[in-house]
Amino acid sequence: MVKRAFFVTFEGIDGSGKSTQARLLADRLRELGLDVVLTREPGGSPGAEEIRRLLVQGAPHRWSPETEILLFTAARRDHLENTIDPALAAGKIVISDRYADSTRVYQGVARADLGGLVDQLHHLMIAREPDLTLVIDMDPAQALERGLGRNSGEDRFEDFGLGFQQALRQGFLALARRAAPRTVLIDGNRTPEVIAAEIAGIFDRATK
């Protein structure tokens, strides 16, 4: 049983199944009697949810990569102040569907070569890393089909097309190598139940 605050993030390309896995892990931990906060980015707090609509809706080229970085950072700061930090201070487990690594990959690699700017803003305004990051890796074509099939109205990044999803995947693979051992790469081309069982084992070992 986890006896301390712990911060877990799920990352991956659009449609990779990370949201499902974040929910499954939260459900498992709650069944064990643990106090869990399941949240998401962009969003996760009232102010950040307002910014979310600006980022995930509308035409693909609505914002420049530089503007996206500023919007994501503003949303993340509000999320950190109002959701993540208070929950961790109270000794809870926080599970977030996306966090700073998404900005490192989306705006720092796949959209533009702005990794240095992303890191500077993170250091100045966020300065918190997760204890554990699970990167769900999946075939980009299959993930894109799944993501667009949701018809969620939040398809702005999916609308950049398959080439963008392929660039994202390479960015996340590089991130998983670079940020190890914090990051663990998970094969997402399996059933949700099999993936969830692997993640449960990884979490249990990380929190011992």
Protein backbone atom coordinates (compact mmCIF):
# COMPACT_ATOMS: atom_id res chain seq x y z
CA MET A 1 0.00 0.00 0.00
CA VAL A 2 1.22 3.49 -0.87
CA LYS A 3 1.93 5.46 2.28
CA ARG A 4 2.90 8.78 0.73
CA ALA A 5 1.84 11.27 -1.91
CA PHE A 6 2.64 10.07 -5.40
CA PHE A 7 2.30 11.77 -8.80
CA VAL A 8 1.71 9.59 -11.89
CA THR A 9 1.27 10.84 -15.45
CA PHE A 10 0.14 9.09 -18.62
CA GLU A 11 1.50 10.17 -21.98
CA GLY A 12 1.20 9.09 -25.60
CA ILE A 13 -0.14 10.04 -28.98
CA ASP A 14 -3.80 10.90 -29.52
CA GLY A 15 -5.95 7.76 -29.38
CA SER A 16 -3.27 5.62 -27.72
CA GLY A 17 -5.53 4.56 -24.85
CA LYS A 18 -3.79 6.55 -22.12
CA SER A 19 -7.03 8.04 -20.82
CA THR A 20 -8.51 4.57 -20.41
CA GLN A 21 -5.41 3.35 -18.59
CA ALA A 22 -5.34 6.37 -16.29
CA ARG A 23 -8.94 5.64 -15.33
CA LEU A 24 -8.31 1.93 -14.83
CA LEU A 25 -5.36 2.62 -12.54
CA ALA A 26 -7.39 5.14 -10.54
CA ASP A 27 -10.25 2.64 -10.20
CA ARG A 28 -7.88 -0.10 -8.99
CA LEU A 29 -6.24 2.12 -6.39
CA ARG A 30 -9.59 3.37 -5.09
CA GLU A 31 -10.74 -0.23 -4.70
CA LEU A 32 -7.68 -0.71 -2.50
CA GLY A 33 -8.88 2.14 -0.30
CA LEU A 34 -6.40 4.76 -1.50
CA ASP A 35 -7.23 8.45 -1.92
CA VAL A 36 -6.81 9.22 -5.62
CA VAL A 37 -7.25 12.37 -7.68
CA LEU A 38 -7.74 11.61 -11.39
CA THR A 39 -7.18 14.68 -13.53
CA ARG A 40 -6.17 15.71 -17.05
CA GLU A 41 -4.36 18.24 -19.19
CA PRO A 42 -5.05 20.61 -20.63
CA GLY A 43 -7.59 21.15 -17.90
CA GLY A 44 -7.97 19.67 -14.46
CA SER A 45 -9.01 22.91 -12.74
CA PRO A 46 -11.74 25.45 -13.57
CA GLY A 47 -9.37 27.99 -15.11
CA ALA A 48 -7.40 25.37 -17.02
CA GLU A 49 -10.59 23.84 -18.42
CA GLU A 50 -11.46 27.23 -19.93
CA ILE A 51 -8.07 27.34 -21.62
CA ARG A 52 -8.52 23.72 -22.78
CA ARG A 53 -11.31 24.75 -25.13
CA LEU A 54 -8.99 27.21 -26.84
CA LEU A 55 -6.37 24.53 -27.38
CA VAL A 56 -8.28 21.44 -28.47
CA GLN A 57 -11.08 22.96 -30.53
CA GLY A 58 -10.96 24.87 -33.81
CA ALA A 59 -8.78 24.76 -36.90
CA PRO A 60 -5.37 23.02 -36.67
CA HIS A 61 -3.43 26.20 -37.43
CA ARG A 62 -5.48 28.38 -35.11
CA TRP A 63 -2.40 29.02 -32.93
CA SER A 64 1.31 29.14 -33.61
CA PRO A 65 3.50 26.68 -31.68
CA GLU A 66 4.81 29.58 -29.59
CA THR A 67 1.30 30.66 -28.60
CA GLU A 68 0.39 27.06 -27.81
CA ILE A 69 3.32 26.82 -25.40
CA LEU A 70 2.13 29.90 -23.53
CA LEU A 71 -1.47 28.65 -23.36
CA PHE A 72 -0.43 25.19 -22.17
CA THR A 73 1.88 26.70 -19.55
CA ALA A 74 -0.86 28.99 -18.26
CA ALA A 75 -3.29 26.07 -18.03
CA ARG A 76 -0.68 23.88 -16.32
CA ARG A 77 0.17 26.56 -13.77
CA ASP A 78 -3.50 26.89 -12.79
CA HIS A 79 -3.84 23.09 -12.68
CA LEU A 80 -0.76 22.83 -10.47
CA GLU A 81 -1.88 25.55 -8.06
CA ASN A 82 -5.47 24.42 -7.69
CA THR A 83 -5.42 20.63 -8.14
CA ILE A 84 -2.05 18.89 -8.18
CA ASP A 85 -0.12 20.64 -5.42
CA PRO A 86 -3.01 20.69 -2.90
CA ALA A 87 -3.71 16.98 -3.46
CA LEU A 88 -0.06 16.00 -3.04
CA ALA A 89 0.24 18.19 0.05
CA ALA A 90 -2.69 16.24 1.50
CA GLY A 91 -0.89 12.95 0.88
CA LYS A 92 -3.04 11.84 -2.05
CA ILE A 93 -2.12 9.98 -5.23
CA VAL A 94 -2.49 12.18 -8.31
CA ILE A 95 -2.98 10.54 -11.71
CA SER A 96 -2.92 12.93 -14.65
CA ASP A 97 -3.85 12.18 -18.24
CA ARG A 98 -1.01 14.25 -19.83
CA TYR A 99 1.32 16.74 -18.19
CA ALA A 100 4.51 18.61 -19.11
CA ASP A 101 5.94 15.82 -21.26
CA SER A 102 3.15 16.37 -23.77
CA THR A 103 4.29 19.97 -24.28
CA ARG A 104 7.89 18.78 -24.59
CA VAL A 105 6.85 16.48 -27.43
CA TYR A 106 3.99 18.36 -29.13
CA GLN A 107 5.43 21.87 -29.20
CA GLY A 108 9.07 21.05 -28.48
CA VAL A 109 9.53 18.42 -31.19
CA ALA A 110 6.57 17.59 -33.43
CA ARG A 111 5.11 21.07 -34.07
CA ALA A 112 8.37 23.02 -33.95
CA ASP A 113 11.91 22.80 -32.64
CA LEU A 114 11.15 24.74 -29.47
CA GLY A 115 12.40 22.32 -26.83
CA GLY A 116 14.63 24.92 -25.22
CA LEU A 117 11.77 27.37 -24.78
CA VAL A 118 9.51 24.63 -23.39
CA ASP A 119 12.16 23.69 -20.82
CA GLN A 120 12.75 27.32 -19.81
CA LEU A 121 9.06 27.97 -19.20
CA HIS A 122 8.69 24.72 -17.31
CA HIS A 123 11.63 25.61 -15.04
CA LEU A 124 10.30 29.11 -14.39
CA MET A 125 6.58 28.44 -13.99
CA ILE A 126 6.03 24.76 -13.17
CA ALA A 127 9.16 23.14 -11.70
CA ARG A 128 7.45 19.87 -10.74
CA GLU A 129 8.11 16.52 -12.37
CA PRO A 130 6.01 13.38 -11.88
CA ASP A 131 7.26 10.50 -9.77
CA LEU A 132 6.32 8.09 -12.56
CA THR A 133 5.36 8.58 -16.22
CA LEU A 134 3.79 5.82 -18.29
CA VAL A 135 4.15 6.35 -22.05
CA ILE A 136 1.58 4.32 -24.00
CA ASP A 137 3.08 3.47 -27.39
CA MET A 138 0.75 2.56 -30.24
CA ASP A 139 0.65 2.39 -34.04
CA PRO A 140 -0.08 5.99 -35.16
CA ALA A 141 -2.51 5.03 -37.94
CA GLN A 142 -4.61 2.90 -35.64
CA ALA A 143 -4.50 5.50 -32.88
CA LEU A 144 -5.53 8.28 -35.27
CA GLU A 145 -8.48 6.26 -36.53
CA ARG A 146 -9.56 5.64 -32.95
CA GLY A 147 -9.12 9.28 -31.97
CA LEU A 148 -11.10 10.67 -34.90
CA GLY A 149 -13.76 8.01 -34.40
CA ARG A 150 -14.65 9.48 -31.00
CA ASN A 151 -16.19 12.57 -32.67
CA SER A 152 -15.48 14.47 -29.49
CA GLY A 153 -15.26 17.90 -31.05
CA GLU A 154 -11.76 18.16 -29.55
CA ASP A 155 -9.91 16.95 -32.64
CA ARG A 156 -7.66 19.90 -33.36
CA PHE A 157 -4.40 17.96 -33.00
CA GLU A 158 -5.75 14.85 -34.74
CA ASP A 159 -6.63 17.10 -37.68
CA PHE A 160 -2.92 17.70 -38.33
CA GLY A 161 -2.98 14.22 -39.87
CA LEU A 162 -1.01 10.98 -39.81
CA GLY A 163 2.39 12.57 -40.42
CA PHE A 164 2.01 14.62 -37.27
CA GLN A 165 1.00 11.55 -35.24
CA GLN A 166 4.05 9.69 -36.54
CA ALA A 167 6.29 12.59 -35.49
CA LEU A 168 4.62 12.57 -32.07
CA ARG A 169 5.30 8.87 -31.65
CA GLN A 170 8.99 9.33 -32.39
CA GLY A 171 9.07 12.22 -29.92
CA PHE A 172 7.53 10.12 -27.16
CA LEU A 173 9.87 7.21 -27.86
CA ALA A 174 12.86 9.56 -27.57
CA LEU A 175 11.39 11.05 -24.38
CA ALA A 176 10.99 7.59 -22.82
CA ARG A 177 14.66 6.85 -23.46
CA ARG A 178 15.90 10.25 -22.33
CA ALA A 179 13.82 10.54 -19.15
CA ALA A 180 14.31 7.01 -17.84
CA PRO A 181 13.88 5.69 -15.17
CA ARG A 182 11.03 8.13 -14.48
CA THR A 183 9.39 7.16 -17.77
CA VAL A 184 8.33 3.62 -18.64
CA LEU A 185 7.33 2.65 -22.18
CA ILE A 186 4.18 0.52 -22.43
CA ASP A 187 3.11 -1.48 -25.52
CA GLY A 188 -0.37 -0.15 -26.24
CA ASN A 189 -1.12 -2.63 -29.03
CA ARG A 190 -2.75 -5.08 -26.61
CA THR A 191 -6.05 -5.42 -24.80
CA PRO A 192 -6.81 -2.79 -22.15
CA GLU A 193 -6.90 -5.48 -19.47
CA VAL A 194 -3.43 -6.81 -20.28
CA ILE A 195 -2.00 -3.29 -20.36
CA ALA A 196 -3.69 -2.40 -17.06
CA ALA A 197 -2.20 -5.46 -15.37
CA GLU A 198 1.31 -4.49 -16.48
CA ILE A 199 0.79 -0.91 -15.30
CA ALA A 200 -0.46 -2.12 -11.93
CA GLY A 201 2.76 -4.06 -11.44
CA ILE A 202 4.91 -1.11 -12.47
CA PHE A 203 3.06 1.17 -10.08
CA ASP A 204 3.35 -1.28 -7.19
CA ARG A 205 7.10 -1.60 -7.68
CA ALA A 206 7.57 2.17 -8.03
CA THR A 207 5.77 2.88 -4.77
CA LYS A 208 7.41 0.27 -2.55
